[in-house]
Amino acid sequence: MNVTSTRRCNVPTRAASYCGRNCTNTLQTVRCAKKLTACFHRQVWTMYMTHKSEMQDMQEEHQREMEALLEGVRQMSAEVKRLSLIIDHFIPQEFLHLIQEHTHWNDEIGEWQLVSSRVTGTMRRGLQNIASSSTEFFRNAWLTPETT
């Protein structure tokens, strides 16, 4: 068996050609293959570490975004509780029911709108007929502020 032959195995021959050397014996071919393998392993390891750090950065960014969203939910919940408390203490139940029946959300302008002229205060005589002395403040302060 000839030890110096480069035709023994295709892998070392290919490695020698990638190595850039014209290897004449098997020992040189094996050295070139080992260098090539080590270089390949370094490249793969570098790519792995790069992707690993990118993935860690993405996870940290995702965590920050989740925390920001949760903080927004907490703030909105506190705002809803505060506004509910204000409504419960300052708006009489009969008018709250009336307001809920005659309002709708307008997506175009992004706010609630009153649909009934009775609720908006344009027909004050009709509202005055059903208003009692305990709701007079509410009607003047909330529904028709320009007439007070």
Protein backbone atom coordinates (compact mmCIF):
# COMPACT_ATOMS: atom_id res chain seq x y z
CA MET A 1 0.00 0.00 0.00
CA ASN A 2 1.36 3.38 -0.98
CA VAL A 3 1.17 5.88 1.94
CA THR A 4 1.97 8.96 -0.14
CA SER A 5 -0.93 8.54 -2.52
CA THR A 6 -3.54 11.31 -2.50
CA ARG A 7 -6.11 9.07 -4.17
CA ARG A 8 -6.73 6.99 -1.08
CA CYS A 9 -9.72 9.02 0.13
CA ASN A 10 -11.63 11.84 -1.50
CA VAL A 11 -12.12 13.81 1.70
CA PRO A 12 -8.45 14.56 2.38
CA THR A 13 -7.92 15.34 -1.31
CA ARG A 14 -10.76 17.84 -1.27
CA ALA A 15 -9.48 19.31 1.98
CA ALA A 16 -6.04 19.77 0.41
CA SER A 17 -7.54 21.59 -2.53
CA TYR A 18 -9.56 23.86 -0.20
CA CYS A 19 -6.47 24.45 1.88
CA GLY A 20 -4.80 26.09 -1.11
CA ARG A 21 -1.77 23.83 -1.04
CA ASN A 22 -0.75 21.20 -3.48
CA CYS A 23 -0.31 18.39 -0.99
CA THR A 24 1.80 15.51 -2.21
CA ASN A 25 1.36 13.08 0.64
CA THR A 26 -1.39 11.95 2.94
CA LEU A 27 0.14 13.55 6.06
CA GLN A 28 0.02 17.00 4.51
CA THR A 29 -3.53 16.33 3.30
CA VAL A 30 -4.62 15.31 6.79
CA ARG A 31 -3.04 18.46 8.25
CA CYS A 32 -4.89 20.59 5.71
CA ALA A 33 -8.13 18.76 6.52
CA LYS A 34 -7.63 19.38 10.26
CA LYS A 35 -6.93 23.07 9.66
CA LEU A 36 -9.98 23.32 7.46
CA THR A 37 -12.12 21.53 10.06
CA ALA A 38 -10.82 23.79 12.83
CA CYS A 39 -11.52 26.85 10.72
CA PHE A 40 -15.01 25.58 9.94
CA HIS A 41 -15.67 24.88 13.63
CA ARG A 42 -14.56 28.42 14.52
CA GLN A 43 -16.88 29.88 11.89
CA VAL A 44 -19.80 27.77 13.08
CA TRP A 45 -19.06 28.64 16.71
CA THR A 46 -18.89 32.35 15.83
CA MET A 47 -22.19 32.15 13.96
CA TYR A 48 -23.75 30.24 16.88
CA MET A 49 -22.60 32.80 19.44
CA THR A 50 -23.77 35.69 17.22
CA HIS A 51 -27.22 34.18 16.84
CA LYS A 52 -27.34 33.30 20.52
CA SER A 53 -26.62 36.91 21.53
CA GLU A 54 -29.16 38.20 18.99
CA MET A 55 -31.76 35.84 20.44
CA GLN A 56 -30.97 36.99 23.96
CA ASP A 57 -31.28 40.64 22.85
CA MET A 58 -34.64 39.87 21.25
CA GLN A 59 -35.85 38.13 24.41
CA GLU A 60 -34.80 41.12 26.54
CA GLU A 61 -36.55 43.51 24.15
CA HIS A 62 -39.67 41.31 24.24
CA GLN A 63 -39.55 41.33 28.05
CA ARG A 64 -39.28 45.14 28.11
CA GLU A 65 -42.23 45.45 25.73
CA MET A 66 -44.31 43.06 27.84
CA GLU A 67 -43.52 45.04 30.99
CA ALA A 68 -44.50 48.28 29.24
CA LEU A 69 -47.78 46.74 28.09
CA LEU A 70 -48.53 45.43 31.57
CA GLU A 71 -47.79 48.85 33.04
CA GLY A 72 -50.22 50.36 30.54
CA VAL A 73 -52.89 47.85 31.59
CA ARG A 74 -52.30 48.72 35.25
CA GLN A 75 -52.61 52.45 34.53
CA MET A 76 -55.78 51.95 32.51
CA SER A 77 -57.30 49.81 35.25
CA ALA A 78 -56.56 52.49 37.81
CA GLU A 79 -58.08 55.12 35.49
CA VAL A 80 -61.24 53.04 35.02
CA LYS A 81 -61.58 52.61 38.79
CA ARG A 82 -61.11 56.35 39.34
CA LEU A 83 -63.65 57.30 36.68
CA SER A 84 -66.13 54.70 37.96
CA LEU A 85 -65.81 56.16 41.43
CA ILE A 86 -66.48 59.65 40.09
CA ILE A 87 -69.51 58.45 38.12
CA ASP A 88 -70.91 56.53 41.11
CA HIS A 89 -70.63 59.54 43.41
CA PHE A 90 -71.68 62.43 41.16
CA ILE A 91 -74.15 61.13 38.56
CA PRO A 92 -77.61 60.02 39.76
CA GLN A 93 -78.60 56.50 38.68
CA GLU A 94 -81.65 57.59 36.63
CA PHE A 95 -79.52 59.97 34.57
CA LEU A 96 -76.72 57.46 34.26
CA HIS A 97 -79.21 55.00 32.79
CA LEU A 98 -80.53 57.72 30.47
CA ILE A 99 -77.01 58.61 29.33
CA GLN A 100 -76.13 54.95 28.72
CA GLU A 101 -79.25 54.48 26.58
CA HIS A 102 -78.62 57.56 24.45
CA THR A 103 -74.87 57.40 23.77
CA HIS A 104 -72.82 55.59 21.19
CA TRP A 105 -69.12 55.38 20.40
CA ASN A 106 -68.05 57.19 17.23
CA ASP A 107 -64.94 55.52 15.77
CA GLU A 108 -64.30 58.35 13.31
CA ILE A 109 -63.72 60.99 15.98
CA GLY A 110 -62.81 58.59 18.80
CA GLU A 111 -65.28 59.72 21.44
CA TRP A 112 -68.73 59.11 22.84
CA GLN A 113 -71.67 61.02 21.37
CA LEU A 114 -75.11 61.74 22.77
CA VAL A 115 -77.84 61.00 20.24
CA SER A 116 -80.96 62.30 21.96
CA SER A 117 -81.67 66.01 21.93
CA ARG A 118 -83.33 65.59 25.32
CA VAL A 119 -80.06 64.47 26.83
CA THR A 120 -77.95 67.07 25.07
CA GLY A 121 -80.00 69.91 26.47
CA THR A 122 -81.46 71.33 23.25
CA MET A 123 -84.98 70.59 24.46
CA ARG A 124 -84.77 71.94 28.00
CA ARG A 125 -88.52 72.17 28.47
CA GLY A 126 -88.97 68.42 28.07
CA LEU A 127 -86.11 67.80 30.47
CA GLN A 128 -87.47 70.31 32.99
CA ASN A 129 -90.80 68.49 33.08
CA ILE A 130 -89.15 65.26 34.25
CA ALA A 131 -86.43 66.83 36.37
CA SER A 132 -86.95 66.98 40.12
CA SER A 133 -85.32 69.39 42.50
CA SER A 134 -82.62 66.84 43.38
CA THR A 135 -81.50 66.54 39.75
CA GLU A 136 -81.56 70.26 38.95
CA PHE A 137 -77.84 70.60 39.70
CA PHE A 138 -77.00 67.68 37.44
CA ARG A 139 -78.98 69.08 34.51
CA ASN A 140 -77.45 72.53 34.82
CA ALA A 141 -73.89 71.40 35.49
CA TRP A 142 -73.55 68.43 33.17
CA LEU A 143 -76.06 68.67 30.34
CA THR A 144 -76.39 72.37 29.58
CA PRO A 145 -73.36 74.20 31.02
CA GLU A 146 -73.82 77.13 28.62
CA THR A 147 -77.26 78.02 30.06
CA THR A 148 -76.14 78.37 33.69
